[in-house]
Amino acid sequence: MTVLNTVRQSFQKRMAYLRTKSELRAMPLEVALDLGMFREDASKTAAKAIYG
């Protein structure tokens, strides 16, 4: 893999992480609670979903 591909993949993952975190934080409280989530855990949940 070239350096450019590595940078591109990292950027795409970062953008997916930020998008996921934003969506989780914007989720209505009732939906979050139904899923057993707290909006305050959006960063941790998004990181696990994107980065593993």
N, C-alpha and C. Protein backbone atom coordinates (compact mmCIF):
# COMPACT_ATOMS: atom_id res chain seq x y z
N MET A 1 0.85 -1.17 0.00
CA MET A 1 0.00 0.00 0.00
C MET A 1 0.90 1.24 0.00
N THR A 2 0.53 2.21 -0.77
CA THR A 2 1.33 3.43 -0.84
C THR A 2 0.96 4.36 0.31
N VAL A 3 1.82 5.32 0.52
CA VAL A 3 1.57 6.31 1.58
C VAL A 3 0.28 7.07 1.31
N LEU A 4 0.06 7.41 0.05
CA LEU A 4 -1.16 8.14 -0.31
C LEU A 4 -2.41 7.33 0.02
N ASN A 5 -2.38 6.04 -0.26
CA ASN A 5 -3.54 5.19 0.06
C ASN A 5 -3.75 5.10 1.56
N THR A 6 -2.68 5.03 2.32
CA THR A 6 -2.77 4.96 3.78
C THR A 6 -3.39 6.24 4.33
N VAL A 7 -2.93 7.37 3.83
CA VAL A 7 -3.48 8.67 4.26
C VAL A 7 -4.94 8.77 3.88
N ARG A 8 -5.28 8.34 2.67
CA ARG A 8 -6.67 8.40 2.20
C ARG A 8 -7.57 7.54 3.08
N GLN A 9 -7.11 6.33 3.41
CA GLN A 9 -7.91 5.44 4.26
C GLN A 9 -8.09 6.03 5.65
N SER A 10 -7.04 6.60 6.19
CA SER A 10 -7.12 7.23 7.51
C SER A 10 -8.12 8.38 7.50
N PHE A 11 -8.07 9.18 6.46
CA PHE A 11 -8.99 10.30 6.34
C PHE A 11 -10.44 9.81 6.23
N GLN A 12 -10.66 8.78 5.43
CA GLN A 12 -12.01 8.24 5.27
C GLN A 12 -12.54 7.67 6.58
N LYS A 13 -11.68 6.99 7.32
CA LYS A 13 -12.10 6.45 8.62
C LYS A 13 -12.42 7.58 9.59
N ARG A 14 -11.60 8.63 9.59
CA ARG A 14 -11.84 9.76 10.48
C ARG A 14 -13.17 10.43 10.15
N MET A 15 -13.46 10.60 8.87
CA MET A 15 -14.73 11.21 8.47
C MET A 15 -15.91 10.32 8.85
N ALA A 16 -15.77 9.02 8.70
CA ALA A 16 -16.83 8.10 9.10
C ALA A 16 -17.04 8.15 10.61
N TYR A 17 -15.95 8.24 11.36
CA TYR A 17 -16.04 8.35 12.82
C TYR A 17 -16.79 9.62 13.21
N LEU A 18 -16.42 10.75 12.63
CA LEU A 18 -17.07 12.01 12.97
C LEU A 18 -18.55 12.00 12.60
N ARG A 19 -18.87 11.42 11.44
CA ARG A 19 -20.27 11.33 11.00
C ARG A 19 -21.07 10.43 11.94
N THR A 20 -20.51 9.29 12.32
CA THR A 20 -21.18 8.36 13.22
C THR A 20 -21.40 9.00 14.59
N LYS A 21 -20.37 9.66 15.10
CA LYS A 21 -20.48 10.32 16.41
C LYS A 21 -21.56 11.39 16.38
N SER A 22 -21.61 12.15 15.30
CA SER A 22 -22.62 13.20 15.16
C SER A 22 -24.03 12.61 15.13
N GLU A 23 -24.20 11.53 14.37
CA GLU A 23 -25.51 10.88 14.29
C GLU A 23 -25.94 10.32 15.64
N LEU A 24 -25.01 9.72 16.36
CA LEU A 24 -25.35 9.16 17.67
C LEU A 24 -25.73 10.26 18.66
N ARG A 25 -25.04 11.37 18.62
CA ARG A 25 -25.36 12.48 19.52
C ARG A 25 -26.69 13.13 19.18
N ALA A 26 -27.07 13.10 17.89
CA ALA A 26 -28.32 13.71 17.45
C ALA A 26 -29.53 12.80 17.65
N MET A 27 -29.28 11.57 18.03
CA MET A 27 -30.35 10.59 18.21
C MET A 27 -31.29 11.04 19.34
N PRO A 28 -32.59 10.92 19.12
CA PRO A 28 -33.52 11.25 20.20
C PRO A 28 -33.25 10.41 21.45
N LEU A 29 -33.45 11.01 22.59
CA LEU A 29 -33.16 10.34 23.86
C LEU A 29 -33.91 9.03 24.00
N GLU A 30 -35.17 9.01 23.58
CA GLU A 30 -35.98 7.79 23.71
C GLU A 30 -35.39 6.65 22.89
N VAL A 31 -34.93 6.95 21.70
CA VAL A 31 -34.34 5.93 20.83
C VAL A 31 -33.04 5.42 21.45
N ALA A 32 -32.22 6.33 21.93
CA ALA A 32 -30.94 5.95 22.55
C ALA A 32 -31.19 5.04 23.75
N LEU A 33 -32.15 5.39 24.58
CA LEU A 33 -32.44 4.57 25.75
C LEU A 33 -33.00 3.21 25.36
N ASP A 34 -33.81 3.17 24.31
CA ASP A 34 -34.33 1.88 23.82
C ASP A 34 -33.20 0.97 23.36
N LEU A 35 -32.14 1.57 22.82
CA LEU A 35 -30.98 0.80 22.35
C LEU A 35 -29.97 0.52 23.46
N GLY A 36 -30.25 1.03 24.65
CA GLY A 36 -29.35 0.83 25.77
C GLY A 36 -28.10 1.69 25.69
N MET A 37 -28.23 2.85 25.07
CA MET A 37 -27.09 3.75 24.88
C MET A 37 -27.33 5.07 25.59
N PHE A 38 -26.24 5.73 25.88
CA PHE A 38 -26.31 7.09 26.37
C PHE A 38 -25.62 7.98 25.34
N ARG A 39 -26.19 9.12 25.05
CA ARG A 39 -25.60 10.00 24.05
C ARG A 39 -24.19 10.45 24.45
N GLU A 40 -23.90 10.45 25.75
CA GLU A 40 -22.58 10.85 26.22
C GLU A 40 -21.50 9.84 25.81
N ASP A 41 -21.92 8.62 25.49
CA ASP A 41 -20.98 7.58 25.07
C ASP A 41 -20.80 7.54 23.55
N ALA A 42 -21.25 8.57 22.85
CA ALA A 42 -21.20 8.58 21.38
C ALA A 42 -19.78 8.44 20.87
N SER A 43 -18.82 9.11 21.48
CA SER A 43 -17.43 9.03 21.02
C SER A 43 -16.89 7.62 21.12
N LYS A 44 -17.12 7.00 22.26
CA LYS A 44 -16.62 5.64 22.48
C LYS A 44 -17.31 4.64 21.53
N THR A 45 -18.60 4.77 21.38
CA THR A 45 -19.36 3.87 20.52
C THR A 45 -18.95 4.04 19.05
N ALA A 46 -18.79 5.27 18.61
CA ALA A 46 -18.37 5.54 17.24
C ALA A 46 -16.97 5.00 16.97
N ALA A 47 -16.07 5.19 17.92
CA ALA A 47 -14.70 4.70 17.75
C ALA A 47 -14.68 3.19 17.63
N LYS A 48 -15.46 2.52 18.45
CA LYS A 48 -15.50 1.06 18.40
C LYS A 48 -16.10 0.59 17.07
N ALA A 49 -17.11 1.28 16.58
CA ALA A 49 -17.76 0.90 15.34
C ALA A 49 -16.83 1.08 14.13
N ILE A 50 -16.05 2.14 14.13
CA ILE A 50 -15.21 2.45 12.98
C ILE A 50 -13.84 1.81 13.07
N TYR A 51 -13.20 1.90 14.21
CA TYR A 51 -11.83 1.44 14.34
C TYR A 51 -11.70 0.02 14.93
N GLY A 52 -12.80 -0.45 15.47
CA GLY A 52 -12.78 -1.82 15.99
C GLY A 52 -12.44 -1.91 17.44
